[in-house]
Amino acid sequence: MNGSAWELQLSDLAIPAGAPPVIAGPPVTDTALPLKLFARGKVRDTYELSPDRLLMVATDRISAFDHVLPNGIPDRGKVLTQLSIFWFSQTDTFQANHLVSGMVPDLPPALKDFRDQLAGRFMIVRKAKRIDYECVVRGYLAGSAWKEYEESHTLAGETMPPGLRQSEKLAYPIFSPATKADTGHDENITFDQMKKDLGDTLATKLRDASLELYKYASEFSARRGLILADTKFEFGLVGDDVILIDELLTPDSSRYWDATTYQVAASPDSYDKQFVRDWLSRSGWDKESDPPRLPEDVVAQTRMRYLTAYQRVVGKELFPRKPRNE
């Protein structure tokens, strides 16, 4: 799919000129389409279209600390979908992926009454056999990588130099795989463990593809004034071919920092749901019982962080303002 195709779809989602950056409508937190449900995740509802095609719908649900929160973030699913489409289109010349279309006219006739609900938040994709590993690449010492380093001076089992600081740029990007968990936390493992399970050939192919994708995306992001601190990829098999699946380089799967405010030895402000995690941590919630509803100001600010992430990466607003009539 070429760039102009998905840009046409985005223009159909435009909000009125001069509208303030506030929530325009309720979030889409659930779908019930007249198709066979293939899987329902924390964010995406996936349906079967044919023996070799799936429909992935990104809802506005948001999860934190392994819980789906009771209220969603309006337009979050559109940001995740449209950023994925953007990056799939940017990288398909050197890495095959599962994207077939994100265009409303390509939806089947059975979904004609659901087009408004689905516009901007779906992808028609090739069905693949998922490889059950998160292929993480880290260019900076943050998140669980920082915790591992603090405890053992290692990253993905590899001994690291002493004296590194939080959020510091690594000498070179490190491939840091993790097991893929449908529930609970993914578990970081070493590359050697991955090779024992998948075999040298497939594991090496996944590592090399992940590092190449990270290099491309981090250099692209740098030109947009962003630091891509780390990201994770998911791959699947179509026959013997390895393809990218799921989402790609979104705020849910990546850590984007503003290059102008980045500082070593600090936790940089990021364009993702860390804002929600921070609020939940301050709220007194025990992270075991049912989570509380997010206040409207937290919802609004989180929404704007996602929309800003899209604008910073792509170089234009997700909902471009239509010119005023003279």
Protein backbone atom coordinates (compact mmCIF):
# COMPACT_ATOMS: atom_id res chain seq x y z
CA MET A 1 0.00 0.00 0.00
CA ASN A 2 1.46 3.34 -0.96
CA GLY A 3 1.63 6.44 1.23
CA SER A 4 -1.06 8.43 -0.60
CA ALA A 5 -3.62 5.71 0.01
CA TRP A 6 -3.55 5.88 3.78
CA GLU A 7 -3.22 9.68 3.74
CA LEU A 8 -6.56 9.89 1.97
CA GLN A 9 -8.13 7.92 4.76
CA LEU A 10 -6.71 10.24 7.42
CA SER A 11 -8.16 13.30 5.71
CA ASP A 12 -11.63 11.80 6.07
CA LEU A 13 -11.17 11.87 9.85
CA ALA A 14 -10.58 15.64 10.00
CA ILE A 15 -12.05 17.62 12.90
CA PRO A 16 -13.54 21.10 12.45
CA ALA A 17 -11.09 23.95 11.88
CA GLY A 18 -10.12 25.75 15.06
CA ALA A 19 -11.48 23.01 17.32
CA PRO A 20 -9.63 22.89 20.65
CA PRO A 21 -7.52 19.83 21.48
CA VAL A 22 -10.17 18.21 23.68
CA ILE A 23 -11.88 14.84 23.59
CA ALA A 24 -14.28 14.85 20.63
CA GLY A 25 -16.22 11.69 21.42
CA PRO A 26 -16.41 8.60 23.60
CA PRO A 27 -13.64 5.99 23.33
CA VAL A 28 -14.21 2.74 21.46
CA THR A 29 -13.50 0.14 24.12
CA ASP A 30 -15.30 -2.85 22.65
CA THR A 31 -16.26 -4.23 19.26
CA ALA A 32 -18.87 -6.78 18.23
CA LEU A 33 -18.53 -7.38 14.51
CA PRO A 34 -20.49 -9.98 12.51
CA LEU A 35 -17.31 -11.99 11.96
CA LYS A 36 -15.66 -14.90 13.74
CA LEU A 37 -13.52 -13.61 16.60
CA PHE A 38 -9.94 -14.83 16.23
CA ALA A 39 -8.45 -13.25 19.37
CA ARG A 40 -9.16 -10.49 21.86
CA GLY A 41 -6.13 -8.86 23.46
CA LYS A 42 -5.65 -6.00 25.88
CA VAL A 43 -6.01 -3.49 23.05
CA ARG A 44 -6.86 -5.27 19.79
CA ASP A 45 -9.84 -7.33 18.70
CA THR A 46 -8.90 -9.59 15.80
CA TYR A 47 -11.43 -11.24 13.48
CA GLU A 48 -11.17 -13.82 10.71
CA LEU A 49 -11.84 -12.57 7.20
CA SER A 50 -10.71 -15.63 5.26
CA PRO A 51 -8.37 -18.59 5.73
CA ASP A 52 -5.36 -16.32 5.12
CA ARG A 53 -6.61 -12.85 6.14
CA LEU A 54 -7.38 -11.26 9.50
CA LEU A 55 -8.99 -7.97 10.52
CA MET A 56 -7.13 -6.30 13.39
CA VAL A 57 -9.07 -3.57 15.18
CA ALA A 58 -7.24 -1.36 17.68
CA THR A 59 -9.69 -0.23 20.34
CA ASP A 60 -9.13 2.67 22.73
CA ARG A 61 -8.63 0.32 25.68
CA ILE A 62 -5.54 1.00 27.74
CA SER A 63 -3.78 -1.34 30.14
CA ALA A 64 -1.28 -0.79 32.90
CA PHE A 65 0.31 -3.13 35.44
CA ASP A 66 -1.35 -6.09 33.66
CA HIS A 67 -4.87 -4.68 34.07
CA VAL A 68 -7.16 -3.22 31.44
CA LEU A 69 -8.41 0.07 32.84
CA PRO A 70 -12.16 0.73 33.08
CA ASN A 71 -12.14 3.74 30.74
CA GLY A 72 -10.21 4.14 27.52
CA ILE A 73 -8.33 6.96 25.77
CA PRO A 74 -10.29 8.32 22.77
CA ASP A 75 -8.44 8.01 19.45
CA ARG A 76 -5.61 5.95 20.98
CA GLY A 77 -6.45 3.00 18.75
CA LYS A 78 -6.30 5.26 15.68
CA VAL A 79 -2.86 6.51 16.66
CA LEU A 80 -1.58 2.97 17.16
CA THR A 81 -3.03 1.83 13.84
CA GLN A 82 -1.96 4.79 11.72
CA LEU A 83 1.57 4.86 13.14
CA SER A 84 1.88 1.14 12.43
CA ILE A 85 0.67 1.66 8.87
CA PHE A 86 3.14 4.51 8.46
CA TRP A 87 6.10 2.43 9.66
CA PHE A 88 5.04 -0.71 7.76
CA SER A 89 4.95 1.42 4.61
CA GLN A 90 8.34 2.97 5.41
CA THR A 91 10.12 -0.33 5.98
CA ASP A 92 8.51 -2.78 3.56
CA THR A 93 11.30 -2.32 1.01
CA PHE A 94 13.70 -4.23 3.28
CA GLN A 95 11.44 -6.12 5.69
CA ALA A 96 8.25 -7.90 4.66
CA ASN A 97 5.21 -7.40 6.92
CA HIS A 98 1.63 -8.55 7.30
CA LEU A 99 -0.16 -5.36 6.21
CA VAL A 100 -2.60 -5.75 3.31
CA SER A 101 -4.76 -2.62 3.64
CA GLY A 102 -6.09 -0.02 6.05
CA MET A 103 -8.57 1.46 3.59
CA VAL A 104 -12.29 1.57 4.36
CA PRO A 105 -13.35 0.54 0.82
CA ASP A 106 -11.45 -2.73 1.31
CA LEU A 107 -13.67 -3.79 4.21
CA PRO A 108 -16.04 -6.65 3.34
CA PRO A 109 -19.73 -5.89 2.62
CA ALA A 110 -20.72 -7.52 5.92
CA LEU A 111 -19.12 -4.55 7.71
CA LYS A 112 -20.84 -1.76 5.76
CA ASP A 113 -22.70 -0.62 8.90
CA PHE A 114 -19.48 -0.53 10.94
CA ARG A 115 -17.35 1.63 8.66
CA ASP A 116 -17.58 4.78 10.78
CA GLN A 117 -16.58 2.85 13.90
CA LEU A 118 -13.68 1.12 12.16
CA ALA A 119 -12.29 4.00 10.08
CA GLY A 120 -8.70 4.70 11.03
CA ARG A 121 -8.38 1.92 13.57
CA PHE A 122 -8.20 -1.31 11.53
CA MET A 123 -5.72 -3.23 9.42
CA ILE A 124 -6.43 -6.10 7.06
CA VAL A 125 -3.41 -8.37 7.47
CA ARG A 126 -1.97 -11.64 6.31
CA LYS A 127 -2.45 -14.46 8.77
CA ALA A 128 0.89 -15.73 10.07
CA LYS A 129 2.12 -18.24 12.62
CA ARG A 130 3.31 -16.07 15.48
CA ILE A 131 6.85 -16.58 16.78
CA ASP A 132 6.39 -16.35 20.53
CA TYR A 133 9.19 -13.92 21.30
CA GLU A 134 9.35 -10.19 21.76
CA CYS A 135 12.33 -9.00 19.72
CA VAL A 136 13.48 -6.03 21.78
CA VAL A 137 16.25 -3.65 20.72
CA ARG A 138 17.65 -1.19 23.24
CA GLY A 139 19.75 1.82 22.34
CA TYR A 140 19.53 3.42 25.78
CA LEU A 141 19.57 2.11 29.34
CA ALA A 142 15.96 2.49 30.47
CA GLY A 143 13.04 0.54 31.87
CA SER A 144 13.68 -3.09 32.74
CA ALA A 145 17.14 -2.84 31.17
CA TRP A 146 18.12 -0.21 33.74
CA LYS A 147 16.76 -2.39 36.56
CA GLU A 148 18.75 -5.38 35.32
CA TYR A 149 21.91 -3.30 35.05
CA GLU A 150 21.45 -1.89 38.58
CA GLU A 151 21.16 -5.41 39.96
CA SER A 152 23.83 -7.29 38.00
CA HIS A 153 25.69 -4.93 35.60
CA THR A 154 24.29 -7.03 32.73
CA LEU A 155 21.83 -6.46 29.90
CA ALA A 156 20.15 -9.47 28.30
CA GLY A 157 22.77 -11.56 30.10
CA GLU A 158 25.64 -9.61 28.53
CA THR A 159 28.13 -8.03 30.93
CA MET A 160 28.10 -4.24 30.63
CA PRO A 161 30.74 -1.66 31.59
CA PRO A 162 30.56 -0.28 35.14
CA GLY A 163 29.41 3.26 35.83
CA LEU A 164 26.58 3.51 33.31
CA ARG A 165 23.72 5.80 34.27
CA GLN A 166 19.97 5.68 33.82
CA SER A 167 18.84 6.67 30.30
CA GLU A 168 22.44 6.67 29.03
CA LYS A 169 23.04 5.89 25.38
CA LEU A 170 24.63 2.48 24.91
CA ALA A 171 27.82 2.04 22.90
CA TYR A 172 25.76 0.07 20.38
CA PRO A 173 22.14 -1.16 20.20
CA ILE A 174 21.60 -4.44 22.03
CA PHE A 175 19.18 -7.18 21.02
CA SER A 176 17.32 -8.14 24.17
CA PRO A 177 14.68 -10.82 23.49
CA ALA A 178 11.84 -11.74 25.81
CA THR A 179 9.33 -14.54 25.93
CA LYS A 180 5.89 -13.55 24.68
CA ALA A 181 3.24 -13.82 27.40
CA ASP A 182 -0.49 -13.50 26.70
CA THR A 183 -1.06 -12.75 30.37
CA GLY A 184 1.34 -11.40 32.97
CA HIS A 185 4.81 -10.11 32.29
CA ASP A 186 7.12 -11.05 29.44
CA GLU A 187 10.37 -12.57 30.67
CA ASN A 188 13.72 -11.25 29.46
CA ILE A 189 16.04 -13.99 28.21
CA THR A 190 19.45 -14.22 26.58
CA PHE A 191 20.03 -14.60 22.87
CA ASP A 192 21.61 -18.01 23.55
CA GLN A 193 18.37 -19.16 25.17
CA MET A 194 16.45 -17.97 22.14
CA LYS A 195 18.79 -19.88 19.82
CA LYS A 196 18.32 -23.08 21.81
CA ASP A 197 14.56 -22.83 21.32
CA LEU A 198 14.30 -21.54 17.74
CA GLY A 199 17.58 -22.74 16.27
CA ASP A 200 20.56 -20.66 15.22
CA THR A 201 19.27 -19.76 11.76
CA LEU A 202 15.84 -18.39 12.74
CA ALA A 203 17.08 -16.69 15.91
CA THR A 204 19.89 -14.96 14.03
CA LYS A 205 17.47 -13.86 11.30
CA LEU A 206 15.18 -12.30 13.91
CA ARG A 207 18.07 -10.55 15.66
CA ASP A 208 19.52 -9.13 12.45
CA ALA A 209 16.12 -7.97 11.18
CA SER A 210 15.36 -6.30 14.51
CA LEU A 211 18.68 -4.46 14.61
CA GLU A 212 18.25 -3.26 11.01
CA LEU A 213 14.73 -1.99 11.74
CA TYR A 214 15.90 -0.21 14.88
CA LYS A 215 18.76 1.45 13.04
CA TYR A 216 16.43 2.74 10.33
CA ALA A 217 13.75 3.91 12.76
CA SER A 218 16.15 5.55 15.22
CA GLU A 219 17.84 7.53 12.43
CA PHE A 220 14.44 8.53 11.00
CA SER A 221 13.21 9.57 14.47
CA ALA A 222 16.36 11.61 15.08
CA ARG A 223 15.52 13.69 12.02
CA ARG A 224 12.18 14.41 13.71
CA GLY A 225 13.87 15.53 16.94
CA LEU A 226 13.04 12.29 18.75
CA ILE A 227 15.15 9.65 20.46
CA LEU A 228 13.98 6.07 19.95
CA ALA A 229 15.31 4.68 23.22
CA ASP A 230 14.05 1.14 22.66
CA THR A 231 11.38 -0.78 20.83
CA LYS A 232 10.05 -4.28 20.38
CA PHE A 233 9.10 -6.18 17.26
CA GLU A 234 6.95 -9.24 16.70
CA PHE A 235 7.46 -11.64 13.84
CA GLY A 236 5.51 -14.48 12.29
CA LEU A 237 5.94 -17.13 9.64
CA VAL A 238 4.04 -17.39 6.37
CA GLY A 239 5.37 -20.67 5.08
CA ASP A 240 9.14 -20.26 5.46
CA ASP A 241 9.04 -16.47 5.17
CA VAL A 242 9.62 -14.31 8.25
CA ILE A 243 7.36 -11.25 8.33
CA LEU A 244 6.68 -8.43 10.77
CA ILE A 245 3.30 -8.70 12.50
CA ASP A 246 1.17 -6.96 15.13
CA GLU A 247 2.04 -3.25 15.59
CA LEU A 248 5.21 -1.40 14.67
CA LEU A 249 7.09 1.43 16.41
CA THR A 250 4.07 2.80 18.25
CA PRO A 251 4.09 4.50 21.67
CA ASP A 252 2.86 1.18 23.11
CA SER A 253 5.78 -0.82 21.73
CA SER A 254 8.48 1.88 21.80
CA ARG A 255 10.00 4.47 24.07
CA TYR A 256 10.20 7.87 22.33
CA TRP A 257 11.94 10.79 24.05
CA ASP A 258 12.17 14.44 23.04
CA ALA A 259 15.79 15.05 22.03
CA THR A 260 15.73 18.66 23.24
CA THR A 261 14.82 17.76 26.84
CA TYR A 262 16.73 14.48 27.12
CA GLN A 263 19.13 14.21 30.04
CA VAL A 264 21.30 11.36 31.27
CA ALA A 265 20.71 10.14 34.85
CA ALA A 266 17.02 11.04 34.65
CA SER A 267 13.81 9.49 33.41
CA PRO A 268 12.97 11.54 30.30
CA ASP A 269 9.41 12.53 29.53
CA SER A 270 8.03 10.09 26.99
CA TYR A 271 5.16 9.98 24.50
CA ASP A 272 3.38 6.91 25.83
CA LYS A 273 1.23 5.66 28.70
CA GLN A 274 3.87 6.29 31.36
CA PHE A 275 1.75 9.31 32.33
CA VAL A 276 -1.08 6.89 33.18
CA ARG A 277 1.24 4.54 35.09
CA ASP A 278 2.53 7.46 37.13
CA TRP A 279 -1.00 8.59 38.03
CA LEU A 280 -2.00 5.05 39.03
CA SER A 281 1.10 4.74 41.20
CA ARG A 282 0.20 7.96 43.00
CA SER A 283 -3.48 7.07 43.33
CA GLY A 284 -3.01 4.52 46.11
CA TRP A 285 -4.25 1.62 43.98
CA ASP A 286 -2.74 -1.68 45.17
CA LYS A 287 -2.26 -2.96 41.57
CA GLU A 288 -4.07 -6.18 42.49
CA SER A 289 -7.73 -5.17 42.85
CA ASP A 290 -9.86 -3.71 40.07
CA PRO A 291 -8.17 -0.52 38.84
CA PRO A 292 -9.77 2.91 39.33
CA ARG A 293 -11.24 5.02 36.55
CA LEU A 294 -8.92 7.62 35.12
CA PRO A 295 -9.94 11.24 35.75
CA GLU A 296 -10.95 13.18 32.67
CA ASP A 297 -7.87 15.43 32.82
CA VAL A 298 -5.60 12.38 32.84
CA VAL A 299 -7.54 10.94 29.88
CA ALA A 300 -7.27 14.22 27.96
CA GLN A 301 -3.55 14.65 28.62
CA THR A 302 -2.81 11.04 27.70
CA ARG A 303 -4.77 11.42 24.47
CA MET A 304 -2.74 14.48 23.55
CA ARG A 305 0.53 12.63 24.21
CA TYR A 306 -0.49 9.92 21.73
CA LEU A 307 -1.62 12.46 19.14
CA THR A 308 1.63 14.37 19.63
CA ALA A 309 3.64 11.17 19.14
CA TYR A 310 1.93 10.67 15.79
CA GLN A 311 2.52 14.27 14.72
CA ARG A 312 6.18 14.24 15.76
CA VAL A 313 6.96 11.00 13.91
CA VAL A 314 4.90 11.48 10.75
CA GLY A 315 5.32 15.26 10.49
CA LYS A 316 1.64 16.19 10.41
CA GLU A 317 -1.47 15.98 12.58
CA LEU A 318 -3.51 12.80 12.66
CA PHE A 319 -6.65 14.93 12.35
CA PRO A 320 -5.55 17.78 10.05
CA ARG A 321 -7.50 20.99 10.47
CA LYS A 322 -9.61 21.82 7.44
CA PRO A 323 -9.13 25.39 6.15
CA ARG A 324 -11.81 27.91 7.08
CA ASN A 325 -14.17 28.95 4.32
CA GLU A 326 -13.50 32.49 3.20
